PDB file of all heavy atoms in Angstrom:
ATOM      1  N   SER A   1     -32.913 -18.916 -13.086  1.00  0.00           N
ATOM      2  CA  SER A   1     -33.972 -19.931 -13.093  1.00  0.00           C
ATOM      3  C   SER A   1     -33.402 -21.323 -13.313  1.00  0.00           C
ATOM      4  O   SER A   1     -32.453 -21.505 -14.084  1.00  0.00           O
ATOM      5  CB  SER A   1     -34.982 -19.617 -14.210  1.00  0.00           C
ATOM      6  OG  SER A   1     -35.945 -20.634 -14.336  1.00  0.00           O
ATOM      7  N   ASN A   2     -34.015 -22.301 -12.660  1.00  0.00           N
ATOM      8  CA  ASN A   2     -33.656 -23.706 -12.853  1.00  0.00           C
ATOM      9  C   ASN A   2     -34.503 -24.373 -13.934  1.00  0.00           C
ATOM     10  O   ASN A   2     -34.453 -25.591 -14.115  1.00  0.00           O
ATOM     11  CB  ASN A   2     -33.818 -24.477 -11.542  1.00  0.00           C
ATOM     12  CG  ASN A   2     -32.823 -24.029 -10.490  1.00  0.00           C
ATOM     13  OD1 ASN A   2     -31.661 -23.757 -10.807  1.00  0.00           O
ATOM     14  ND2 ASN A   2     -33.270 -23.943  -9.239  1.00  0.00           N
ATOM     15  N   ALA A   3     -35.287 -23.583 -14.647  1.00  0.00           N
ATOM     16  CA  ALA A   3     -36.201 -24.126 -15.652  1.00  0.00           C
ATOM     17  C   ALA A   3     -35.455 -24.816 -16.787  1.00  0.00           C
ATOM     18  O   ALA A   3     -34.299 -24.503 -17.083  1.00  0.00           O
ATOM     19  CB  ALA A   3     -37.067 -23.008 -16.224  1.00  0.00           C
ATOM     20  N   THR A   4     -36.149 -25.747 -17.432  1.00  0.00           N
ATOM     21  CA  THR A   4     -35.675 -26.266 -18.712  1.00  0.00           C
ATOM     22  C   THR A   4     -35.764 -25.137 -19.729  1.00  0.00           C
ATOM     23  O   THR A   4     -36.811 -24.492 -19.866  1.00  0.00           O
ATOM     24  CB  THR A   4     -36.540 -27.459 -19.158  1.00  0.00           C
ATOM     25  OG1 THR A   4     -36.388 -28.514 -18.213  1.00  0.00           O
ATOM     26  CG2 THR A   4     -36.134 -27.936 -20.545  1.00  0.00           C
ATOM     27  N   ILE A   5     -34.661 -24.875 -20.425  1.00  0.00           N
ATOM     28  CA  ILE A   5     -34.610 -23.774 -21.387  1.00  0.00           C
ATOM     29  C   ILE A   5     -34.580 -24.363 -22.798  1.00  0.00           C
ATOM     30  O   ILE A   5     -33.751 -25.227 -23.105  1.00  0.00           O
ATOM     31  CB  ILE A   5     -33.366 -22.889 -21.164  1.00  0.00           C
ATOM     32  CG1 ILE A   5     -33.353 -22.344 -19.729  1.00  0.00           C
ATOM     33  CG2 ILE A   5     -33.328 -21.754 -22.177  1.00  0.00           C
ATOM     34  CD1 ILE A   5     -32.038 -21.663 -19.352  1.00  0.00           C
ATOM     35  N   VAL A   6     -35.473 -23.883 -23.648  1.00  0.00           N
ATOM     36  CA  VAL A   6     -35.542 -24.339 -25.033  1.00  0.00           C
ATOM     37  C   VAL A   6     -35.264 -23.150 -25.945  1.00  0.00           C
ATOM     38  O   VAL A   6     -35.979 -22.148 -25.906  1.00  0.00           O
ATOM     39  CB  VAL A   6     -36.916 -24.943 -25.372  1.00  0.00           C
ATOM     40  CG1 VAL A   6     -36.937 -25.447 -26.811  1.00  0.00           C
ATOM     41  CG2 VAL A   6     -37.262 -26.077 -24.409  1.00  0.00           C
ATOM     42  N   CYS A   7     -34.235 -23.284 -26.760  1.00  0.00           N
ATOM     43  CA  CYS A   7     -33.876 -22.235 -27.710  1.00  0.00           C
ATOM     44  C   CYS A   7     -34.293 -22.670 -29.105  1.00  0.00           C
ATOM     45  O   CYS A   7     -33.781 -23.665 -29.646  1.00  0.00           O
ATOM     46  CB  CYS A   7     -32.371 -21.966 -27.661  1.00  0.00           C
ATOM     47  SG  CYS A   7     -31.824 -20.697 -28.829  1.00  0.00           S
ATOM     48  N   LYS A   8     -35.215 -21.928 -29.707  1.00  0.00           N
ATOM     49  CA  LYS A   8     -35.671 -22.208 -31.067  1.00  0.00           C
ATOM     50  C   LYS A   8     -34.684 -21.583 -32.052  1.00  0.00           C
ATOM     51  O   LYS A   8     -34.357 -20.399 -31.943  1.00  0.00           O
ATOM     52  CB  LYS A   8     -37.077 -21.643 -31.289  1.00  0.00           C
ATOM     53  CG  LYS A   8     -38.130 -22.241 -30.384  1.00  0.00           C
ATOM     54  CD  LYS A   8     -39.523 -21.699 -30.675  1.00  0.00           C
ATOM     55  CE  LYS A   8     -39.706 -20.290 -30.144  1.00  0.00           C
ATOM     56  NZ  LYS A   8     -41.108 -19.824 -30.275  1.00  0.00           N
ATOM     57  N   ARG A   9     -34.254 -22.373 -33.039  1.00  0.00           N
ATOM     58  CA  ARG A   9     -33.207 -21.912 -33.957  1.00  0.00           C
ATOM     59  C   ARG A   9     -33.624 -22.015 -35.425  1.00  0.00           C
ATOM     60  O   ARG A   9     -32.790 -22.207 -36.303  1.00  0.00           O
ATOM     61  CB  ARG A   9     -31.929 -22.709 -33.703  1.00  0.00           C
ATOM     62  CG  ARG A   9     -31.476 -22.690 -32.261  1.00  0.00           C
ATOM     63  CD  ARG A   9     -30.243 -23.541 -32.031  1.00  0.00           C
ATOM     64  NE  ARG A   9     -29.028 -22.903 -32.532  1.00  0.00           N
ATOM     65  CZ  ARG A   9     -27.870 -23.543 -32.668  1.00  0.00           C
ATOM     66  NH1 ARG A   9     -27.783 -24.842 -32.389  1.00  0.00           N
ATOM     67  NH2 ARG A   9     -26.805 -22.906 -33.116  1.00  0.00           N
ATOM     68  N   GLY A  10     -34.911 -21.891 -35.668  1.00  0.00           N
ATOM     69  CA  GLY A  10     -35.382 -21.876 -37.041  1.00  0.00           C
ATOM     70  C   GLY A  10     -35.068 -23.169 -37.772  1.00  0.00           C
ATOM     71  O   GLY A  10     -35.352 -24.259 -37.266  1.00  0.00           O
ATOM     72  N   PRO A  11     -34.460 -23.084 -38.969  1.00  0.00           N
ATOM     73  CA  PRO A  11     -34.195 -24.303 -39.754  1.00  0.00           C
ATOM     74  C   PRO A  11     -33.215 -25.257 -39.088  1.00  0.00           C
ATOM     75  O   PRO A  11     -33.132 -26.429 -39.482  1.00  0.00           O
ATOM     76  CB  PRO A  11     -33.622 -23.753 -41.065  1.00  0.00           C
ATOM     77  CG  PRO A  11     -33.120 -22.388 -40.728  1.00  0.00           C
ATOM     78  CD  PRO A  11     -34.039 -21.866 -39.678  1.00  0.00           C
ATOM     79  N   MET A  12     -32.486 -24.790 -38.072  1.00  0.00           N
ATOM     80  CA  MET A  12     -31.558 -25.672 -37.352  1.00  0.00           C
ATOM     81  C   MET A  12     -32.244 -26.434 -36.232  1.00  0.00           C
ATOM     82  O   MET A  12     -31.599 -27.164 -35.480  1.00  0.00           O
ATOM     83  CB  MET A  12     -30.384 -24.859 -36.794  1.00  0.00           C
ATOM     84  CG  MET A  12     -29.488 -24.258 -37.857  1.00  0.00           C
ATOM     85  SD  MET A  12     -28.016 -23.472 -37.157  1.00  0.00           S
ATOM     86  CE  MET A  12     -28.751 -22.070 -36.309  1.00  0.00           C
ATOM     87  N   GLY A  13     -33.557 -26.277 -36.093  1.00  0.00           N
ATOM     88  CA  GLY A  13     -34.284 -27.008 -35.055  1.00  0.00           C
ATOM     89  C   GLY A  13     -34.250 -26.279 -33.728  1.00  0.00           C
ATOM     90  O   GLY A  13     -34.565 -25.083 -33.643  1.00  0.00           O
ATOM     91  N   CYS A  14     -33.842 -26.966 -32.691  1.00  0.00           N
ATOM     92  CA  CYS A  14     -33.812 -26.366 -31.361  1.00  0.00           C
ATOM     93  C   CYS A  14     -32.746 -27.049 -30.528  1.00  0.00           C
ATOM     94  O   CYS A  14     -32.233 -28.116 -30.885  1.00  0.00           O
ATOM     95  CB  CYS A  14     -35.175 -26.481 -30.676  1.00  0.00           C
ATOM     96  SG  CYS A  14     -35.681 -28.183 -30.319  1.00  0.00           S
ATOM     97  N   VAL A  15     -32.447 -26.431 -29.399  1.00  0.00           N
ATOM     98  CA  VAL A  15     -31.507 -27.016 -28.451  1.00  0.00           C
ATOM     99  C   VAL A  15     -32.053 -26.780 -27.053  1.00  0.00           C
ATOM    100  O   VAL A  15     -32.627 -25.722 -26.767  1.00  0.00           O
ATOM    101  CB  VAL A  15     -30.087 -26.429 -28.633  1.00  0.00           C
ATOM    102  CG1 VAL A  15     -30.093 -24.921 -28.431  1.00  0.00           C
ATOM    103  CG2 VAL A  15     -29.082 -27.104 -27.725  1.00  0.00           C
ATOM    104  N   VAL A  16     -31.902 -27.772 -26.168  1.00  0.00           N
ATOM    105  CA  VAL A  16     -32.531 -27.750 -24.846  1.00  0.00           C
ATOM    106  C   VAL A  16     -31.452 -27.881 -23.773  1.00  0.00           C
ATOM    107  O   VAL A  16     -30.507 -28.663 -23.909  1.00  0.00           O
ATOM    108  CB  VAL A  16     -33.555 -28.906 -24.711  1.00  0.00           C
ATOM    109  CG1 VAL A  16     -34.206 -28.881 -23.327  1.00  0.00           C
ATOM    110  CG2 VAL A  16     -34.604 -28.814 -25.808  1.00  0.00           C
ATOM    111  N   PHE A  17     -31.630 -27.131 -22.684  1.00  0.00           N
ATOM    112  CA  PHE A  17     -30.700 -27.167 -21.552  1.00  0.00           C
ATOM    113  C   PHE A  17     -31.491 -27.421 -20.274  1.00  0.00           C
ATOM    114  O   PHE A  17     -32.446 -26.700 -19.970  1.00  0.00           O
ATOM    115  CB  PHE A  17     -29.942 -25.840 -21.447  1.00  0.00           C
ATOM    116  CG  PHE A  17     -29.218 -25.469 -22.712  1.00  0.00           C
ATOM    117  CD1 PHE A  17     -29.815 -24.626 -23.645  1.00  0.00           C
ATOM    118  CD2 PHE A  17     -27.965 -25.988 -22.984  1.00  0.00           C
ATOM    119  CE1 PHE A  17     -29.166 -24.291 -24.822  1.00  0.00           C
ATOM    120  CE2 PHE A  17     -27.303 -25.662 -24.165  1.00  0.00           C
ATOM    121  CZ  PHE A  17     -27.902 -24.815 -25.083  1.00  0.00           C
ATOM    122  N   THR A  18     -31.102 -28.456 -19.540  1.00  0.00           N
ATOM    123  CA  THR A  18     -31.831 -28.829 -18.326  1.00  0.00           C
ATOM    124  C   THR A  18     -31.078 -28.518 -17.041  1.00  0.00           C
ATOM    125  O   THR A  18     -31.690 -28.382 -15.993  1.00  0.00           O
ATOM    126  CB  THR A  18     -32.162 -30.325 -18.340  1.00  0.00           C
ATOM    127  OG1 THR A  18     -30.946 -31.070 -18.478  1.00  0.00           O
ATOM    128  CG2 THR A  18     -33.103 -30.662 -19.484  1.00  0.00           C
ATOM    129  N   GLY A  19     -29.783 -28.450 -17.084  1.00  0.00           N
ATOM    130  CA  GLY A  19     -28.993 -28.196 -15.869  1.00  0.00           C
ATOM    131  C   GLY A  19     -27.969 -27.122 -16.135  1.00  0.00           C
ATOM    132  O   GLY A  19     -28.276 -26.080 -16.729  1.00  0.00           O
ATOM    133  N   ALA A  20     -26.756 -27.391 -15.718  1.00  0.00           N
ATOM    134  CA  ALA A  20     -25.678 -26.434 -15.957  1.00  0.00           C
ATOM    135  C   ALA A  20     -25.495 -26.232 -17.463  1.00  0.00           C
ATOM    136  O   ALA A  20     -25.589 -27.179 -18.243  1.00  0.00           O
ATOM    137  CB  ALA A  20     -24.385 -26.937 -15.330  1.00  0.00           C
ATOM    138  N   ILE A  21     -25.233 -25.005 -17.851  1.00  0.00           N
ATOM    139  CA  ILE A  21     -25.069 -24.695 -19.265  1.00  0.00           C
ATOM    140  C   ILE A  21     -23.682 -25.150 -19.715  1.00  0.00           C
ATOM    141  O   ILE A  21     -22.669 -24.782 -19.114  1.00  0.00           O
ATOM    142  CB  ILE A  21     -25.250 -23.185 -19.515  1.00  0.00           C
ATOM    143  CG1 ILE A  21     -26.597 -22.717 -18.962  1.00  0.00           C
ATOM    144  CG2 ILE A  21     -25.143 -22.883 -21.011  1.00  0.00           C
ATOM    145  CD1 ILE A  21     -27.800 -23.440 -19.529  1.00  0.00           C
ATOM    146  N   PRO A  22     -23.593 -25.941 -20.783  1.00  0.00           N
ATOM    147  CA  PRO A  22     -22.296 -26.468 -21.240  1.00  0.00           C
ATOM    148  C   PRO A  22     -21.446 -25.380 -21.901  1.00  0.00           C
ATOM    149  O   PRO A  22     -21.848 -24.219 -22.011  1.00  0.00           O
ATOM    150  CB  PRO A  22     -22.701 -27.553 -22.227  1.00  0.00           C
ATOM    151  CG  PRO A  22     -24.030 -27.105 -22.743  1.00  0.00           C
ATOM    152  CD  PRO A  22     -24.717 -26.433 -21.597  1.00  0.00           C
ATOM    153  N   ALA A  23     -20.278 -25.807 -22.378  1.00  0.00           N
ATOM    154  CA  ALA A  23     -19.331 -24.853 -22.947  1.00  0.00           C
ATOM    155  C   ALA A  23     -19.805 -24.295 -24.284  1.00  0.00           C
ATOM    156  O   ALA A  23     -19.446 -23.176 -24.656  1.00  0.00           O
ATOM    157  CB  ALA A  23     -17.971 -25.527 -23.111  1.00  0.00           C
ATOM    158  N   SER A  24     -20.593 -25.066 -25.004  1.00  0.00           N
ATOM    159  CA  SER A  24     -21.042 -24.634 -26.324  1.00  0.00           C
ATOM    160  C   SER A  24     -22.541 -24.834 -26.462  1.00  0.00           C
ATOM    161  O   SER A  24     -23.105 -25.797 -25.907  1.00  0.00           O
ATOM    162  CB  SER A  24     -20.318 -25.438 -27.409  1.00  0.00           C
ATOM    163  OG  SER A  24     -20.934 -25.253 -28.670  1.00  0.00           O
ATOM    164  N   ILE A  25     -23.181 -23.962 -27.213  1.00  0.00           N
ATOM    165  CA  ILE A  25     -24.618 -24.106 -27.450  1.00  0.00           C
ATOM    166  C   ILE A  25     -24.924 -25.412 -28.176  1.00  0.00           C
ATOM    167  O   ILE A  25     -26.013 -25.976 -28.031  1.00  0.00           O
ATOM    168  CB  ILE A  25     -25.160 -22.899 -28.244  1.00  0.00           C
ATOM    169  CG1 ILE A  25     -26.698 -22.874 -28.189  1.00  0.00           C
ATOM    170  CG2 ILE A  25     -24.663 -22.916 -29.694  1.00  0.00           C
ATOM    171  CD1 ILE A  25     -27.308 -21.597 -28.735  1.00  0.00           C
ATOM    172  N   GLU A  26     -23.945 -25.922 -28.923  1.00  0.00           N
ATOM    173  CA  GLU A  26     -24.156 -27.159 -29.670  1.00  0.00           C
ATOM    174  C   GLU A  26     -24.150 -28.385 -28.767  1.00  0.00           C
ATOM    175  O   GLU A  26     -24.479 -29.482 -29.220  1.00  0.00           O
ATOM    176  CB  GLU A  26     -23.086 -27.321 -30.744  1.00  0.00           C
ATOM    177  CG  GLU A  26     -23.020 -26.171 -31.744  1.00  0.00           C
ATOM    178  CD  GLU A  26     -24.331 -25.974 -32.488  1.00  0.00           C
ATOM    179  OE1 GLU A  26     -25.090 -26.963 -32.647  1.00  0.00           O
ATOM    180  OE2 GLU A  26     -24.613 -24.831 -32.896  1.00  0.00           O
ATOM    181  N   ASP A  27     -23.788 -28.215 -27.499  1.00  0.00           N
ATOM    182  CA  ASP A  27     -23.728 -29.344 -26.574  1.00  0.00           C
ATOM    183  C   ASP A  27     -25.044 -29.585 -25.840  1.00  0.00           C
ATOM    184  O   ASP A  27     -25.125 -30.473 -24.993  1.00  0.00           O
ATOM    185  CB  ASP A  27     -22.607 -29.114 -25.547  1.00  0.00           C
ATOM    186  CG  ASP A  27     -21.227 -29.128 -26.186  1.00  0.00           C
ATOM    187  OD1 ASP A  27     -21.079 -29.796 -27.221  1.00  0.00           O
ATOM    188  OD2 ASP A  27     -20.322 -28.457 -25.661  1.00  0.00           O
ATOM    189  N   GLY A  28     -26.055 -28.799 -26.152  1.00  0.00           N
ATOM    190  CA  GLY A  28     -27.356 -29.027 -25.545  1.00  0.00           C
ATOM    191  C   GLY A  28     -28.046 -30.240 -26.146  1.00  0.00           C
ATOM    192  O   GLY A  28     -27.548 -30.885 -27.071  1.00  0.00           O
ATOM    193  N   ILE A  29     -29.213 -30.559 -25.618  1.00  0.00           N
ATOM    194  CA  ILE A  29     -29.999 -31.698 -26.106  1.00  0.00           C
ATOM    195  C   ILE A  29     -30.730 -31.285 -27.378  1.00  0.00           C
ATOM    196  O   ILE A  29     -31.334 -30.206 -27.442  1.00  0.00           O
ATOM    197  CB  ILE A  29     -31.003 -32.150 -25.030  1.00  0.00           C
ATOM    198  CG1 ILE A  29     -30.256 -32.590 -23.769  1.00  0.00           C
ATOM    199  CG2 ILE A  29     -31.887 -33.279 -25.556  1.00  0.00           C
ATOM    200  CD1 ILE A  29     -31.159 -32.793 -22.571  1.00  0.00           C
ATOM    201  N   LYS A  30     -30.712 -32.163 -28.379  1.00  0.00           N
ATOM    202  CA  LYS A  30     -31.332 -31.840 -29.655  1.00  0.00           C
ATOM    203  C   LYS A  30     -32.211 -32.993 -30.134  1.00  0.00           C
ATOM    204  O   LYS A  30     -32.091 -34.120 -29.665  1.00  0.00           O
ATOM    205  CB  LYS A  30     -30.265 -31.556 -30.720  1.00  0.00           C
ATOM    206  CG  LYS A  30     -29.337 -30.402 -30.402  1.00  0.00           C
ATOM    207  CD  LYS A  30     -28.271 -30.262 -31.470  1.00  0.00           C
ATOM    208  CE  LYS A  30     -27.282 -29.163 -31.129  1.00  0.00           C
ATOM    209  NZ  LYS A  30     -26.202 -29.062 -32.145  1.00  0.00           N
ATOM    210  N   GLY A  31     -33.047 -32.671 -31.061  1.00  0.00           N
ATOM    211  CA  GLY A  31     -33.829 -33.684 -31.762  1.00  0.00           C
ATOM    212  C   GLY A  31     -33.654 -33.474 -33.243  1.00  0.00           C
ATOM    213  O   GLY A  31     -33.011 -32.505 -33.675  1.00  0.00           O
ATOM    214  N   PRO A  32     -34.217 -34.341 -34.062  1.00  0.00           N
ATOM    215  CA  PRO A  32     -34.049 -34.197 -35.514  1.00  0.00           C
ATOM    216  C   PRO A  32     -34.685 -32.914 -36.027  1.00  0.00           C
ATOM    217  O   PRO A  32     -35.764 -32.515 -35.595  1.00  0.00           O
ATOM    218  CB  PRO A  32     -34.759 -35.433 -36.070  1.00  0.00           C
ATOM    219  CG  PRO A  32     -35.742 -35.823 -35.010  1.00  0.00           C
ATOM    220  CD  PRO A  32     -35.086 -35.476 -33.706  1.00  0.00           C
ATOM    221  N   GLY A  33     -33.993 -32.245 -36.944  1.00  0.00           N
ATOM    222  CA  GLY A  33     -34.548 -31.086 -37.620  1.00  0.00           C
ATOM    223  C   GLY A  33     -35.123 -31.491 -38.967  1.00  0.00           C
ATOM    224  O   GLY A  33     -34.812 -32.559 -39.503  1.00  0.00           O
ATOM    225  N   PHE A  34     -35.960 -30.639 -39.522  1.00  0.00           N
ATOM    226  CA  PHE A  34     -36.634 -30.966 -40.778  1.00  0.00           C
ATOM    227  C   PHE A  34     -36.516 -29.778 -41.724  1.00  0.00           C
ATOM    228  O   PHE A  34     -37.315 -28.840 -41.660  1.00  0.00           O
ATOM    229  CB  PHE A  34     -38.104 -31.313 -40.527  1.00  0.00           C
ATOM    230  CG  PHE A  34     -38.299 -32.391 -39.498  1.00  0.00           C
ATOM    231  CD1 PHE A  34     -38.688 -32.080 -38.201  1.00  0.00           C
ATOM    232  CD2 PHE A  34     -38.055 -33.719 -39.806  1.00  0.00           C
ATOM    233  CE1 PHE A  34     -38.851 -33.064 -37.248  1.00  0.00           C
ATOM    234  CE2 PHE A  34     -38.220 -34.716 -38.852  1.00  0.00           C
ATOM    235  CZ  PHE A  34     -38.612 -34.389 -37.569  1.00  0.00           C
ATOM    236  N   PRO A  35     -35.518 -29.798 -42.602  1.00  0.00           N
ATOM    237  CA  PRO A  35     -35.354 -28.688 -43.552  1.00  0.00           C
ATOM    238  C   PRO A  35     -36.496 -28.660 -44.560  1.00  0.00           C
ATOM    239  O   PRO A  35     -36.716 -29.622 -45.299  1.00  0.00           O
ATOM    240  CB  PRO A  35     -34.015 -28.997 -44.232  1.00  0.00           C
ATOM    241  CG  PRO A  35     -33.826 -30.468 -44.068  1.00  0.00           C
ATOM    242  CD  PRO A  35     -34.470 -30.834 -42.774  1.00  0.00           C
ATOM    243  N   VAL A  36     -37.243 -27.575 -44.559  1.00  0.00           N
ATOM    244  CA  VAL A  36     -38.384 -27.434 -45.460  1.00  0.00           C
ATOM    245  C   VAL A  36     -38.341 -26.042 -46.087  1.00  0.00           C
ATOM    246  O   VAL A  36     -37.646 -25.145 -45.611  1.00  0.00           O
ATOM    247  CB  VAL A  36     -39.729 -27.625 -44.724  1.00  0.00           C
ATOM    248  CG1 VAL A  36     -39.849 -29.035 -44.170  1.00  0.00           C
ATOM    249  CG2 VAL A  36     -39.903 -26.592 -43.614  1.00  0.00           C
ATOM    250  N   GLU A  37     -39.109 -25.877 -47.149  1.00  0.00           N
ATOM    251  CA  GLU A  37     -39.230 -24.561 -47.763  1.00  0.00           C
ATOM    252  C   GLU A  37     -40.023 -23.636 -46.845  1.00  0.00           C
ATOM    253  O   GLU A  37     -41.076 -24.006 -46.332  1.00  0.00           O
ATOM    254  CB  GLU A  37     -39.948 -24.675 -49.100  1.00  0.00           C
ATOM    255  CG  GLU A  37     -40.177 -23.335 -49.792  1.00  0.00           C
ATOM    256  CD  GLU A  37     -41.144 -23.447 -50.948  1.00  0.00           C
ATOM    257  OE1 GLU A  37     -40.683 -23.749 -52.060  1.00  0.00           O
ATOM    258  OE2 GLU A  37     -42.353 -23.233 -50.738  1.00  0.00           O
ATOM    259  N   VAL A  38     -39.515 -22.436 -46.635  1.00  0.00           N
ATOM    260  CA  VAL A  38     -40.209 -21.463 -45.791  1.00  0.00           C
ATOM    261  C   VAL A  38     -41.230 -20.706 -46.635  1.00  0.00           C
ATOM    262  O   VAL A  38     -40.881 -20.068 -47.632  1.00  0.00           O
ATOM    263  CB  VAL A  38     -39.214 -20.474 -45.148  1.00  0.00           C
ATOM    264  CG1 VAL A  38     -39.967 -19.392 -44.391  1.00  0.00           C
ATOM    265  CG2 VAL A  38     -38.267 -21.211 -44.221  1.00  0.00           C
ATOM    266  N   TYR A  39     -42.480 -20.804 -46.231  1.00  0.00           N
ATOM    267  CA  TYR A  39     -43.584 -20.132 -46.920  1.00  0.00           C
ATOM    268  C   TYR A  39     -44.102 -18.983 -46.076  1.00  0.00           C
ATOM    269  O   TYR A  39     -44.365 -17.896 -46.568  1.00  0.00           O
ATOM    270  CB  TYR A  39     -44.685 -21.156 -47.186  1.00  0.00           C
ATOM    271  CG  TYR A  39     -45.800 -20.709 -48.088  1.00  0.00           C
ATOM    272  CD1 TYR A  39     -45.542 -20.296 -49.389  1.00  0.00           C
ATOM    273  CD2 TYR A  39     -47.124 -20.746 -47.660  1.00  0.00           C
ATOM    274  CE1 TYR A  39     -46.571 -19.909 -50.232  1.00  0.00           C
ATOM    275  CE2 TYR A  39     -48.160 -20.377 -48.495  1.00  0.00           C
ATOM    276  CZ  TYR A  39     -47.879 -19.953 -49.779  1.00  0.00           C
ATOM    277  OH  TYR A  39     -48.901 -19.583 -50.612  1.00  0.00           O
ATOM    278  N   ASN A  40     -44.235 -19.235 -44.763  1.00  0.00           N
ATOM    279  CA  ASN A  40     -44.746 -18.205 -43.854  1.00  0.00           C
ATOM    280  C   ASN A  40     -44.302 -18.549 -42.437  1.00  0.00           C
ATOM    281  O   ASN A  40     -44.689 -19.589 -41.902  1.00  0.00           O
ATOM    282  CB  ASN A  40     -46.275 -18.141 -43.918  1.00  0.00           C
ATOM    283  CG  ASN A  40     -46.847 -17.179 -42.891  1.00  0.00           C
ATOM    284  OD1 ASN A  40     -46.187 -16.233 -42.494  1.00  0.00           O
ATOM    285  ND2 ASN A  40     -48.070 -17.439 -42.454  1.00  0.00           N
ATOM    286  N   VAL A  41     -43.511 -17.680 -41.817  1.00  0.00           N
ATOM    287  CA  VAL A  41     -42.994 -17.978 -40.478  1.00  0.00           C
ATOM    288  C   VAL A  41     -43.969 -17.598 -39.376  1.00  0.00           C
ATOM    289  O   VAL A  41     -43.793 -18.006 -38.219  1.00  0.00           O
ATOM    290  CB  VAL A  41     -41.650 -17.257 -40.226  1.00  0.00           C
ATOM    291  CG1 VAL A  41     -40.617 -17.669 -41.257  1.00  0.00           C
ATOM    292  CG2 VAL A  41     -41.832 -15.733 -40.211  1.00  0.00           C
ATOM    293  N   LEU A  42     -45.004 -16.818 -39.701  1.00  0.00           N
ATOM    294  CA  LEU A  42     -45.914 -16.329 -38.672  1.00  0.00           C
ATOM    295  C   LEU A  42     -46.664 -17.496 -38.015  1.00  0.00           C
ATOM    296  O   LEU A  42     -47.285 -18.303 -38.691  1.00  0.00           O
ATOM    297  CB  LEU A  42     -46.902 -15.334 -39.274  1.00  0.00           C
ATOM    298  CG  LEU A  42     -46.256 -14.116 -39.960  1.00  0.00           C
ATOM    299  CD1 LEU A  42     -47.302 -13.272 -40.657  1.00  0.00           C
ATOM    300  CD2 LEU A  42     -45.486 -13.281 -38.944  1.00  0.00           C
ATOM    301  N   GLY A  43     -46.602 -17.564 -36.702  1.00  0.00           N
ATOM    302  CA  GLY A  43     -47.276 -18.632 -35.965  1.00  0.00           C
ATOM    303  C   GLY A  43     -46.484 -19.908 -35.844  1.00  0.00           C
ATOM    304  O   GLY A  43     -46.925 -20.849 -35.174  1.00  0.00           O
TER     305      GLY A  43
END
């Protein structure tokens, strides 16, 4: 698929891939993460 791929990584935020996949998962597009206390992950 040529789709934009978004990988959710929990407390590490997420990483996005729009074209060719780079050498490392850390080389994808990212935004700021927000470390918070986990109370309930459902939903």
